[in-house]
Amino acid sequence: MATEIIGDGQSPNKWFVTQSAWIKYYPTYGVLDSKLIPGWSEKDTHTEVFDSYEEACEAYDDVVLDISFGLGSVMIEDREIGVVKERWLTEKLVVEYYEDEHDDSYFYEK
C-alpha cells in the first residue's frame, strides 16, 4: 500500500509501519542482500497506517524482531519520501574452532 502512494504529491502525509519476514545477509563479501526467513512468506508482511510520525515511531519501537515469530525487519515509510527508518536482523555466519584429536597411540603400547 505504501509503495502505491509514495511520491504521489497528495496530502495529508501518512506514515506506514511495515513488519515483515525479510532478513539481510551477506552472500559475498561486502554485498548485503535480503531473503525471507525459512518457513515464512511474503504474505506474512503486515502494514499499519498512522496519521503522525510520533504514533508511527511508537509502533516501530514496540516491534521486537525475532525469527521464530517471522519478524525479520520493520520500517517506517511516509507518503512524501518513502523509507524514513528501518531495522532488521542480519544473518551472519560465525566460524568457530574446536580442538579435536585422533589418537592411535594404543597400537604402540604393549
N, C-alpha and C. Protein backbone atom coordinates (compact mmCIF):
# COMPACT_ATOMS: atom_id res chain seq x y z
N MET A 1 0.82 -1.19 0.00
CA MET A 1 0.00 0.00 0.00
C MET A 1 0.87 1.26 0.00
N ALA A 2 1.88 1.26 0.85
CA ALA A 2 2.75 2.44 0.95
C ALA A 2 3.43 2.72 -0.39
N THR A 3 3.90 1.67 -1.05
CA THR A 3 4.61 1.87 -2.31
C THR A 3 3.71 2.44 -3.40
N GLU A 4 2.41 2.25 -3.28
CA GLU A 4 1.47 2.76 -4.27
C GLU A 4 1.27 4.27 -4.18
N ILE A 5 1.44 4.86 -2.98
CA ILE A 5 1.16 6.29 -2.84
C ILE A 5 2.39 7.14 -2.55
N ILE A 6 3.56 6.53 -2.34
CA ILE A 6 4.76 7.32 -2.06
C ILE A 6 5.07 8.19 -3.27
N GLY A 7 5.25 9.46 -3.00
CA GLY A 7 5.57 10.42 -4.05
C GLY A 7 4.40 10.82 -4.91
N ASP A 8 3.17 10.57 -4.48
CA ASP A 8 2.02 10.91 -5.30
C ASP A 8 1.62 12.39 -5.19
N GLY A 9 2.29 13.13 -4.29
CA GLY A 9 2.01 14.56 -4.17
C GLY A 9 0.72 14.91 -3.45
N GLN A 10 0.06 13.93 -2.91
CA GLN A 10 -1.21 14.15 -2.22
C GLN A 10 -0.97 14.53 -0.76
N SER A 11 -1.99 15.10 -0.14
CA SER A 11 -1.97 15.42 1.29
C SER A 11 -3.18 14.74 1.91
N PRO A 12 -3.17 14.48 3.17
CA PRO A 12 -2.10 14.69 4.14
C PRO A 12 -1.06 13.58 4.07
N ASN A 13 0.08 13.84 4.68
CA ASN A 13 1.12 12.81 4.74
C ASN A 13 0.64 11.68 5.66
N LYS A 14 1.01 10.48 5.36
CA LYS A 14 0.70 9.30 6.16
C LYS A 14 2.01 8.57 6.43
N TRP A 15 2.05 7.85 7.55
CA TRP A 15 3.22 7.06 7.90
C TRP A 15 2.82 5.60 7.97
N PHE A 16 3.65 4.73 7.41
CA PHE A 16 3.36 3.30 7.32
C PHE A 16 4.44 2.54 8.09
N VAL A 17 4.02 1.70 9.01
CA VAL A 17 4.95 0.84 9.73
C VAL A 17 4.72 -0.57 9.21
N THR A 18 5.76 -1.11 8.59
CA THR A 18 5.66 -2.42 7.96
C THR A 18 6.57 -3.41 8.67
N GLN A 19 5.99 -4.52 9.08
CA GLN A 19 6.73 -5.62 9.69
C GLN A 19 6.76 -6.76 8.68
N SER A 20 7.91 -7.38 8.52
CA SER A 20 7.99 -8.47 7.54
C SER A 20 8.97 -9.55 7.97
N ALA A 21 8.96 -10.63 7.22
CA ALA A 21 9.84 -11.77 7.48
C ALA A 21 11.14 -11.69 6.70
N TRP A 22 11.45 -10.52 6.16
CA TRP A 22 12.70 -10.34 5.40
C TRP A 22 13.86 -10.06 6.34
N ILE A 23 14.97 -10.75 6.12
CA ILE A 23 16.20 -10.52 6.86
C ILE A 23 17.29 -10.15 5.86
N LYS A 24 18.41 -9.66 6.35
CA LYS A 24 19.56 -9.33 5.50
C LYS A 24 20.64 -10.39 5.70
N TYR A 25 21.44 -10.57 4.68
CA TYR A 25 22.58 -11.49 4.77
C TYR A 25 23.64 -11.05 3.76
N TYR A 26 24.82 -11.59 3.91
CA TYR A 26 25.94 -11.27 3.02
C TYR A 26 26.25 -12.48 2.14
N PRO A 27 25.74 -12.52 0.90
CA PRO A 27 26.03 -13.66 0.02
C PRO A 27 27.50 -13.68 -0.40
N THR A 28 28.11 -12.52 -0.53
CA THR A 28 29.53 -12.40 -0.80
C THR A 28 30.05 -11.22 0.01
N TYR A 29 31.34 -11.17 0.18
CA TYR A 29 31.94 -10.12 1.00
C TYR A 29 31.54 -8.73 0.51
N GLY A 30 31.03 -7.92 1.42
CA GLY A 30 30.69 -6.54 1.11
C GLY A 30 29.36 -6.32 0.42
N VAL A 31 28.62 -7.39 0.13
CA VAL A 31 27.33 -7.27 -0.55
C VAL A 31 26.23 -7.66 0.43
N LEU A 32 25.30 -6.74 0.69
CA LEU A 32 24.19 -7.00 1.59
C LEU A 32 22.95 -7.27 0.75
N ASP A 33 22.29 -8.40 0.99
CA ASP A 33 21.11 -8.78 0.23
C ASP A 33 20.00 -9.17 1.20
N SER A 34 18.81 -9.41 0.70
CA SER A 34 17.66 -9.77 1.53
C SER A 34 17.12 -11.13 1.14
N LYS A 35 16.55 -11.81 2.13
CA LYS A 35 15.87 -13.08 1.88
C LYS A 35 14.83 -13.28 2.98
N LEU A 36 13.86 -14.13 2.70
CA LEU A 36 12.82 -14.45 3.67
C LEU A 36 13.35 -15.44 4.70
N ILE A 37 12.85 -15.31 5.92
CA ILE A 37 13.16 -16.28 6.95
C ILE A 37 12.59 -17.63 6.50
N PRO A 38 13.37 -18.71 6.54
CA PRO A 38 12.85 -20.01 6.12
C PRO A 38 11.55 -20.35 6.85
N GLY A 39 10.56 -20.80 6.09
CA GLY A 39 9.27 -21.17 6.64
C GLY A 39 8.25 -20.04 6.66
N TRP A 40 8.65 -18.84 6.27
CA TRP A 40 7.76 -17.68 6.24
C TRP A 40 7.63 -17.20 4.80
N SER A 41 6.61 -16.41 4.51
CA SER A 41 6.41 -15.95 3.14
C SER A 41 6.16 -14.45 3.10
N GLU A 42 6.10 -13.93 1.90
CA GLU A 42 5.80 -12.52 1.67
C GLU A 42 4.42 -12.16 2.22
N LYS A 43 3.54 -13.13 2.28
CA LYS A 43 2.17 -12.89 2.79
C LYS A 43 2.17 -12.57 4.29
N ASP A 44 3.26 -12.84 4.97
CA ASP A 44 3.36 -12.57 6.40
C ASP A 44 3.71 -11.11 6.70
N THR A 45 3.77 -10.28 5.68
CA THR A 45 4.04 -8.86 5.85
C THR A 45 2.80 -8.15 6.36
N HIS A 46 3.00 -7.26 7.32
CA HIS A 46 1.88 -6.54 7.94
C HIS A 46 2.20 -5.04 7.98
N THR A 47 1.28 -4.20 7.50
CA THR A 47 1.48 -2.75 7.48
C THR A 47 0.35 -2.06 8.22
N GLU A 48 0.73 -1.11 9.08
CA GLU A 48 -0.24 -0.25 9.77
C GLU A 48 -0.04 1.18 9.29
N VAL A 49 -1.12 1.94 9.20
CA VAL A 49 -1.09 3.32 8.74
C VAL A 49 -1.32 4.25 9.93
N PHE A 50 -0.52 5.32 10.01
CA PHE A 50 -0.64 6.29 11.10
C PHE A 50 -0.74 7.69 10.54
N ASP A 51 -1.41 8.56 11.30
CA ASP A 51 -1.57 9.95 10.89
C ASP A 51 -0.42 10.84 11.34
N SER A 52 0.38 10.37 12.32
CA SER A 52 1.50 11.19 12.79
C SER A 52 2.77 10.36 12.87
N TYR A 53 3.88 11.04 12.72
CA TYR A 53 5.19 10.40 12.82
C TYR A 53 5.41 9.84 14.23
N GLU A 54 4.95 10.54 15.24
CA GLU A 54 5.12 10.11 16.63
C GLU A 54 4.41 8.77 16.88
N GLU A 55 3.19 8.63 16.36
CA GLU A 55 2.46 7.37 16.51
C GLU A 55 3.19 6.24 15.78
N ALA A 56 3.70 6.53 14.60
CA ALA A 56 4.43 5.52 13.83
C ALA A 56 5.70 5.10 14.58
N CYS A 57 6.39 6.05 15.20
CA CYS A 57 7.60 5.73 15.95
C CYS A 57 7.30 4.85 17.15
N GLU A 58 6.19 5.11 17.82
CA GLU A 58 5.79 4.26 18.95
C GLU A 58 5.57 2.83 18.50
N ALA A 59 4.85 2.65 17.39
CA ALA A 59 4.59 1.31 16.87
C ALA A 59 5.90 0.64 16.43
N TYR A 60 6.77 1.39 15.78
CA TYR A 60 8.08 0.90 15.32
C TYR A 60 8.91 0.43 16.51
N ASP A 61 8.96 1.24 17.56
CA ASP A 61 9.76 0.91 18.74
C ASP A 61 9.22 -0.30 19.49
N ASP A 62 7.93 -0.59 19.37
CA ASP A 62 7.31 -1.72 20.05
C ASP A 62 7.60 -3.07 19.38
N VAL A 63 8.09 -3.05 18.16
CA VAL A 63 8.33 -4.29 17.43
C VAL A 63 9.62 -4.93 17.91
N VAL A 64 9.52 -6.19 18.33
CA VAL A 64 10.69 -6.98 18.73
C VAL A 64 10.99 -7.96 17.60
N LEU A 65 12.13 -7.79 16.96
CA LEU A 65 12.50 -8.67 15.85
C LEU A 65 12.91 -10.03 16.40
N ASP A 66 12.34 -11.08 15.82
CA ASP A 66 12.58 -12.44 16.29
C ASP A 66 12.22 -13.40 15.16
N ILE A 67 13.18 -14.18 14.70
CA ILE A 67 12.91 -15.07 13.56
C ILE A 67 11.87 -16.12 13.89
N SER A 68 11.76 -16.54 15.14
CA SER A 68 10.78 -17.58 15.48
C SER A 68 9.34 -17.07 15.32
N PHE A 69 9.14 -15.75 15.34
CA PHE A 69 7.82 -15.17 15.11
C PHE A 69 7.69 -14.59 13.71
N GLY A 70 8.68 -14.81 12.85
CA GLY A 70 8.63 -14.31 11.48
C GLY A 70 8.83 -12.81 11.37
N LEU A 71 9.47 -12.21 12.36
CA LEU A 71 9.73 -10.77 12.33
C LEU A 71 11.21 -10.53 12.08
N GLY A 72 11.54 -10.28 10.82
CA GLY A 72 12.93 -10.07 10.44
C GLY A 72 13.27 -8.62 10.21
N SER A 73 12.26 -7.78 9.96
CA SER A 73 12.52 -6.36 9.74
C SER A 73 11.27 -5.53 10.02
N VAL A 74 11.53 -4.26 10.29
CA VAL A 74 10.46 -3.29 10.48
C VAL A 74 10.93 -1.97 9.89
N MET A 75 10.02 -1.24 9.27
CA MET A 75 10.39 0.05 8.68
C MET A 75 9.25 1.04 8.80
N ILE A 76 9.64 2.31 8.80
CA ILE A 76 8.67 3.40 8.71
C ILE A 76 8.87 4.03 7.35
N GLU A 77 7.78 4.14 6.59
CA GLU A 77 7.77 4.86 5.32
C GLU A 77 6.75 5.97 5.43
N ASP A 78 6.97 7.05 4.70
CA ASP A 78 5.94 8.08 4.65
C ASP A 78 5.58 8.36 3.20
N ARG A 79 4.52 9.11 3.04
CA ARG A 79 3.96 9.37 1.72
C ARG A 79 4.87 10.26 0.86
N GLU A 80 5.69 11.09 1.52
CA GLU A 80 6.50 12.06 0.79
C GLU A 80 7.82 11.51 0.28
N ILE A 81 8.57 10.78 1.14
CA ILE A 81 9.93 10.38 0.74
C ILE A 81 10.17 8.88 0.70
N GLY A 82 9.27 8.09 1.26
CA GLY A 82 9.50 6.65 1.29
C GLY A 82 10.06 6.21 2.63
N VAL A 83 11.12 5.41 2.62
CA VAL A 83 11.67 4.85 3.85
C VAL A 83 12.29 5.95 4.70
N VAL A 84 11.78 6.06 5.94
CA VAL A 84 12.30 7.04 6.89
C VAL A 84 13.33 6.38 7.79
N LYS A 85 12.99 5.22 8.33
CA LYS A 85 13.96 4.44 9.09
C LYS A 85 13.57 2.98 9.05
N GLU A 86 14.58 2.14 9.30
CA GLU A 86 14.39 0.71 9.16
C GLU A 86 15.39 -0.02 10.04
N ARG A 87 14.97 -1.14 10.59
CA ARG A 87 15.91 -2.02 11.28
C ARG A 87 15.59 -3.46 10.90
N TRP A 88 16.60 -4.31 10.97
CA TRP A 88 16.44 -5.68 10.51
C TRP A 88 17.40 -6.60 11.22
N LEU A 89 17.13 -7.89 11.12
CA LEU A 89 18.05 -8.91 11.59
C LEU A 89 19.00 -9.24 10.45
N THR A 90 20.26 -9.45 10.78
CA THR A 90 21.26 -9.82 9.78
C THR A 90 21.76 -11.22 10.11
N GLU A 91 21.70 -12.09 9.12
CA GLU A 91 22.22 -13.45 9.27
C GLU A 91 23.72 -13.40 9.06
N LYS A 92 24.45 -13.84 10.06
CA LYS A 92 25.91 -13.85 9.96
C LYS A 92 26.41 -15.25 10.28
N LEU A 93 27.35 -15.71 9.48
CA LEU A 93 27.97 -16.99 9.74
C LEU A 93 29.18 -16.75 10.62
N VAL A 94 29.27 -17.53 11.67
CA VAL A 94 30.38 -17.40 12.60
C VAL A 94 31.21 -18.67 12.52
N VAL A 95 32.50 -18.50 12.31
CA VAL A 95 33.40 -19.64 12.27
C VAL A 95 33.94 -19.85 13.68
N GLU A 96 33.76 -21.05 14.18
CA GLU A 96 34.27 -21.40 15.49
C GLU A 96 35.25 -22.55 15.33
N TYR A 97 36.29 -22.54 16.15
CA TYR A 97 37.30 -23.58 16.10
C TYR A 97 37.27 -24.38 17.39
N TYR A 98 37.25 -25.69 17.25
CA TYR A 98 37.26 -26.59 18.38
C TYR A 98 38.48 -27.49 18.26
N GLU A 99 39.03 -27.83 19.40
CA GLU A 99 40.18 -28.73 19.40
C GLU A 99 39.67 -30.17 19.39
N ASP A 100 40.15 -30.94 18.43
CA ASP A 100 39.84 -32.37 18.33
C ASP A 100 41.15 -33.13 18.31
N GLU A 101 41.03 -34.42 18.46
CA GLU A 101 42.25 -35.23 18.45
C GLU A 101 41.92 -36.62 17.94
N HIS A 102 42.85 -37.15 17.22
CA HIS A 102 42.78 -38.55 16.80
C HIS A 102 44.00 -39.22 17.42
N ASP A 103 43.80 -40.28 18.15
CA ASP A 103 44.91 -40.90 18.88
C ASP A 103 44.91 -42.42 18.66
N ASP A 104 45.88 -42.88 17.89
CA ASP A 104 46.07 -44.32 17.68
C ASP A 104 47.30 -44.83 18.43
N SER A 105 47.70 -44.10 19.43
CA SER A 105 48.93 -44.48 20.15
C SER A 105 48.78 -45.81 20.90
N TYR A 106 47.56 -46.24 21.11
CA TYR A 106 47.36 -47.50 21.82
C TYR A 106 47.94 -48.68 21.04
N PHE A 107 48.17 -48.50 19.72
CA PHE A 107 48.80 -49.56 18.92
C PHE A 107 50.25 -49.78 19.36
N TYR A 108 50.87 -48.77 19.95
CA TYR A 108 52.28 -48.85 20.29
C TYR A 108 52.48 -49.27 21.74
N GLU A 109 51.45 -49.35 22.50
CA GLU A 109 51.59 -49.76 23.89
C GLU A 109 51.45 -51.28 23.96
N LYS A 110 52.39 -51.90 24.67
CA LYS A 110 52.38 -53.38 24.75
C LYS A 110 52.22 -53.84 26.14
